[in-house]
Protein backbone atom coordinates (compact mmCIF):
# COMPACT_ATOMS: atom_id res chain seq x y z
CA UNK A 1 -65.24 -60.12 -33.01
CA UNK A 2 -61.44 -60.36 -32.71
CA UNK A 3 -59.10 -60.82 -35.62
CA UNK A 4 -58.20 -64.31 -34.38
CA UNK A 5 -61.92 -65.38 -34.53
CA UNK A 6 -62.51 -63.82 -37.93
CA UNK A 7 -59.53 -65.69 -39.47
CA UNK A 8 -60.31 -69.07 -37.87
CA UNK A 9 -60.05 -71.90 -40.40
CA UNK A 10 -63.54 -73.22 -41.28
CA UNK A 11 -62.54 -76.88 -41.02
CA UNK A 12 -61.67 -76.49 -37.31
CA UNK A 13 -64.67 -74.45 -36.58
CA UNK A 14 -66.94 -77.03 -38.23
CA UNK A 15 -65.58 -80.01 -36.25
CA UNK A 16 -65.27 -78.14 -33.04
CA UNK A 17 -61.59 -79.15 -32.83
CA UNK A 18 -59.01 -76.90 -31.13
CA UNK A 19 -56.76 -75.18 -33.61
CA UNK A 20 -53.16 -76.52 -33.77
CA UNK A 21 -50.19 -74.35 -33.02
CA UNK A 22 -49.51 -73.95 -36.80
CA UNK A 23 -53.09 -72.79 -37.26
CA UNK A 24 -52.84 -70.46 -34.46
CA UNK A 25 -49.70 -68.97 -35.86
CA UNK A 26 -51.28 -68.66 -39.30
CA UNK A 27 -54.26 -66.95 -37.71
CA UNK A 28 -52.07 -64.43 -35.83
CA UNK A 29 -50.00 -63.77 -38.95
CA UNK A 30 -53.12 -63.24 -41.00
CA UNK A 31 -54.54 -61.04 -38.38
CA UNK A 32 -51.46 -58.91 -38.16
CA UNK A 33 -51.23 -58.57 -41.91
CA UNK A 34 -54.91 -57.49 -42.14
CA UNK A 35 -54.46 -55.03 -39.35
CA UNK A 36 -51.46 -53.50 -40.94
CA UNK A 37 -53.27 -53.21 -44.28
CA UNK A 38 -56.31 -51.63 -42.56
CA UNK A 39 -54.06 -49.14 -40.75
CA UNK A 40 -52.34 -48.27 -43.92
CA UNK A 41 -55.65 -47.57 -45.65
CA UNK A 42 -56.82 -45.47 -42.77
CA UNK A 43 -53.78 -43.22 -42.75
CA UNK A 44 -54.04 -42.20 -46.40
CA UNK A 45 -54.58 -38.46 -46.18
CA UNK A 46 -55.69 -35.98 -48.74
CA UNK A 47 -52.80 -34.10 -50.36
CA UNK A 48 -53.43 -30.68 -51.92
CA UNK A 49 -51.79 -28.04 -53.98
CA UNK A 50 -51.65 -24.43 -52.92
CA UNK A 51 -54.30 -21.99 -54.27
CA UNK A 52 -53.41 -20.36 -57.52
CA UNK A 53 -56.13 -17.65 -58.12
CA UNK A 54 -54.81 -16.73 -61.54
CA UNK A 55 -55.33 -20.37 -62.74
CA UNK A 56 -58.70 -21.31 -61.18
CA UNK A 57 -60.26 -17.82 -61.32
CA UNK A 58 -61.78 -18.48 -57.93
CA UNK A 59 -64.03 -21.26 -59.03
CA UNK A 60 -64.57 -22.20 -55.40
CA UNK A 61 -66.76 -19.08 -55.25
CA UNK A 62 -68.96 -20.16 -58.16
CA UNK A 63 -71.94 -21.03 -56.02
CA UNK A 64 -71.69 -18.23 -53.51
CA UNK A 65 -71.50 -19.10 -49.71
CA UNK A 66 -74.11 -20.03 -47.24
CA UNK A 67 -73.89 -17.90 -44.14
CA UNK A 68 -74.43 -18.14 -40.40
CA UNK A 69 -76.90 -15.68 -38.85
CA UNK A 70 -74.10 -13.56 -37.26
CA UNK A 71 -72.35 -13.42 -40.59
CA UNK A 72 -75.43 -12.06 -42.29
CA UNK A 73 -75.68 -9.26 -39.76
CA UNK A 74 -71.92 -8.57 -40.08
CA UNK A 75 -72.07 -8.32 -43.79
CA UNK A 76 -74.97 -5.91 -43.81
CA UNK A 77 -73.19 -3.67 -41.46
CA UNK A 78 -70.00 -3.76 -43.60
CA UNK A 79 -71.81 -2.94 -46.80
CA UNK A 80 -73.55 0.06 -45.13
CA UNK A 81 -70.37 1.27 -43.57
CA UNK A 82 -68.14 0.97 -46.69
CA UNK A 83 -70.54 1.61 -49.66
CA UNK A 84 -67.69 2.76 -51.96
CA UNK A 85 -65.79 -0.44 -51.53
CA UNK A 86 -68.91 -2.49 -52.11
CA UNK A 87 -70.36 -0.42 -54.93
CA UNK A 88 -70.21 -3.34 -57.24
CA UNK A 89 -72.86 -5.23 -55.36
CA UNK A 90 -76.50 -5.72 -56.49
CA UNK A 91 -79.23 -4.75 -54.13
CA UNK A 92 -79.96 -8.40 -53.40
CA UNK A 93 -76.41 -9.36 -52.43
CA UNK A 94 -77.75 -11.95 -49.82
CA UNK A 95 -80.57 -14.22 -50.80
CA UNK A 96 -82.54 -17.25 -49.50
CA UNK A 97 -81.74 -20.60 -51.11
CA UNK A 98 -82.47 -24.24 -50.42
CA UNK A 99 -79.73 -26.56 -49.42
CA UNK A 100 -79.19 -29.93 -47.72
CA UNK A 101 -80.45 -28.65 -44.34
CA UNK A 102 -83.36 -26.64 -45.62
CA UNK A 103 -83.49 -22.92 -46.57
CA UNK A 104 -80.57 -20.63 -45.62
CA UNK A 105 -79.05 -17.31 -46.37
CA UNK A 106 -76.31 -17.17 -48.84
CA UNK A 107 -74.31 -14.60 -50.93
CA UNK A 108 -75.91 -14.15 -54.32
CA UNK A 109 -74.16 -14.88 -57.56
CA UNK A 110 -73.65 -13.22 -60.98
CA UNK A 111 -72.86 -14.55 -64.43
CA UNK A 112 -69.19 -15.27 -65.00
CA UNK A 113 -67.55 -17.12 -67.82
CA UNK A 114 -64.69 -19.44 -66.71
CA UNK A 115 -61.90 -20.51 -68.97
CA UNK A 116 -62.36 -24.00 -67.73
CA UNK A 117 -64.76 -25.70 -65.32
CA UNK A 118 -66.24 -28.99 -64.44
CA UNK A 119 -69.26 -29.77 -66.55
CA UNK A 120 -71.77 -29.66 -63.72
CA UNK A 121 -70.48 -26.27 -62.38
CA UNK A 122 -72.38 -23.15 -63.39
CA UNK A 123 -70.79 -20.13 -65.14
CA UNK A 124 -71.56 -17.96 -62.04
CA UNK A 125 -69.53 -16.31 -59.26
CA UNK A 126 -70.19 -14.88 -55.82
CA UNK A 127 -71.23 -11.20 -56.15
CA UNK A 128 -68.53 -10.34 -53.51
CA UNK A 129 -65.80 -11.49 -55.86
CA UNK A 130 -63.97 -8.67 -57.71
CA UNK A 131 -63.30 -8.64 -61.39
CA UNK A 132 -59.85 -10.40 -60.92
CA UNK A 133 -61.45 -13.07 -58.72
CA UNK A 134 -60.31 -11.63 -55.37
CA UNK A 135 -62.68 -11.47 -52.50
CA UNK A 136 -63.93 -7.99 -51.68
CA UNK A 137 -64.12 -8.91 -47.97
CA UNK A 138 -60.46 -9.81 -48.04
CA UNK A 139 -59.36 -6.74 -50.03
CA UNK A 140 -61.12 -4.46 -47.58
CA UNK A 141 -59.27 -6.10 -44.69
CA UNK A 142 -55.90 -5.82 -46.42
CA UNK A 143 -56.53 -2.19 -47.25
CA UNK A 144 -57.31 -1.55 -43.54
CA UNK A 145 -54.24 -3.42 -42.36
CA UNK A 146 -56.10 -6.01 -40.35
CA UNK A 147 -56.09 -9.81 -40.69
CA UNK A 148 -57.07 -10.70 -44.23
CA UNK A 149 -59.97 -12.94 -43.14
CA UNK A 150 -61.37 -10.52 -40.55
CA UNK A 151 -64.52 -9.92 -42.59
CA UNK A 152 -64.61 -13.09 -44.66
CA UNK A 153 -67.22 -15.74 -43.81
CA UNK A 154 -65.65 -18.76 -42.14
CA UNK A 155 -66.86 -21.19 -44.74
CA UNK A 156 -65.06 -19.19 -47.44
CA UNK A 157 -61.55 -18.94 -45.84
CA UNK A 158 -61.79 -22.48 -44.47
CA UNK A 159 -62.50 -24.09 -47.86
CA UNK A 160 -61.70 -26.91 -48.77
CA UNK A 161 -61.89 -27.75 -45.13
CA UNK A 162 -65.16 -27.88 -43.31
CA UNK A 163 -66.13 -28.00 -39.71
CA UNK A 164 -68.82 -29.64 -37.55
CA UNK A 165 -69.72 -29.89 -33.88
CA UNK A 166 -66.66 -32.00 -33.30
CA UNK A 167 -64.26 -29.72 -35.02
CA UNK A 168 -62.40 -29.66 -38.34
CA UNK A 169 -63.36 -32.04 -41.09
CA UNK A 170 -60.45 -32.94 -43.46
CA UNK A 171 -60.99 -32.35 -47.23
CA UNK A 172 -62.39 -35.45 -49.09
CA UNK A 173 -59.75 -37.59 -50.66
CA UNK A 174 -62.02 -39.14 -53.30
CA UNK A 175 -65.16 -38.04 -55.16
CA UNK A 176 -66.95 -40.87 -53.30
CA UNK A 177 -66.20 -39.13 -50.05
CA UNK A 178 -67.13 -35.72 -51.32
CA UNK A 179 -70.06 -34.52 -49.07
CA UNK A 180 -71.59 -32.69 -52.04
CA UNK A 181 -71.57 -35.84 -54.23
CA UNK A 182 -75.30 -36.00 -55.02
CA UNK A 183 -75.18 -38.40 -57.83
CA UNK A 184 -74.68 -38.41 -61.65
CA UNK A 185 -76.00 -34.85 -62.19
CA UNK A 186 -73.86 -33.33 -59.29
CA UNK A 187 -70.96 -35.65 -58.50
CA UNK A 188 -69.23 -33.38 -56.01
CA UNK A 189 -67.76 -29.93 -55.35
CA UNK A 190 -64.49 -29.76 -53.40
CA UNK A 191 -62.86 -32.64 -55.28
CA UNK A 192 -63.50 -30.85 -58.55
CA UNK A 193 -61.74 -27.64 -57.59
CA UNK A 194 -57.98 -27.12 -58.10
CA UNK A 195 -57.31 -26.42 -54.40
CA UNK A 196 -59.56 -29.17 -53.08
CA UNK A 197 -58.60 -32.03 -55.49
CA UNK A 198 -56.34 -34.73 -54.06
CA UNK A 199 -52.90 -34.89 -55.66
CA UNK A 200 -50.12 -37.40 -54.82
CA UNK A 201 -47.65 -34.60 -55.65
CA UNK A 202 -49.25 -32.12 -53.27
CA UNK A 203 -48.67 -31.48 -49.53
CA UNK A 204 -50.63 -33.39 -46.83
CA UNK A 205 -53.75 -31.21 -46.20
CA UNK A 206 -52.75 -29.83 -42.77
CA UNK A 207 -49.53 -28.58 -44.26
CA UNK A 208 -51.13 -27.17 -47.35
CA UNK A 209 -53.79 -25.55 -45.18
CA UNK A 210 -51.66 -24.71 -42.19
CA UNK A 211 -52.84 -21.21 -42.13
CA UNK A 212 -56.54 -22.11 -42.23
CA UNK A 213 -55.99 -24.72 -39.47
CA UNK A 214 -54.15 -22.18 -37.15
CA UNK A 215 -56.87 -19.53 -37.71
CA UNK A 216 -59.64 -22.09 -36.97
CA UNK A 217 -58.02 -23.00 -33.73
CA UNK A 218 -57.98 -19.30 -32.80
CA UNK A 219 -61.65 -18.78 -33.79
CA UNK A 220 -62.85 -22.17 -32.29
CA UNK A 221 -60.44 -22.97 -29.45
């Protein structure tokens, strides 16, 4: 249905009369206004603040991270090759856990007390996180002088972005749009983290996450 049809005055439609020039003009004006409002709503983008690890304590790592099969193999090899660097890990550093798409492999978690957290978040943290919240995959890469995300699972360095078969998925602007909003008991994830929560004073997401966007384009051209 076109805008003109959707805004047609009911009186003309009911009688079957042709709309007058004034009515046509009103219809066009109404359609243009509606289209402009619709476009304006569609172009509202999520704005974010840059990550401040000292403030959030790495709360995005509180649930651990689900892994792709190739990432599981890569992590096992890393832990075997650099046992001293990963000496803080438990034996079961990768576990099976249920999620939206079934059962998957993910990094295990340990108890961790946050200074502040959303009520539905747990007091846990990924076992690969170090005492100061830094990721041990990333600290190893930095120590070796290679790209900081060389060993890090994509889901971790991409957060709060996601990806699907079509490419990058922008961070949710509202809690209603949060893909992890499962209802009252678990109303979302990204939108409750400091680096994933929309802020009108922040930078539009592709600027705030320009490094992540660039790295994704390299990894998935």
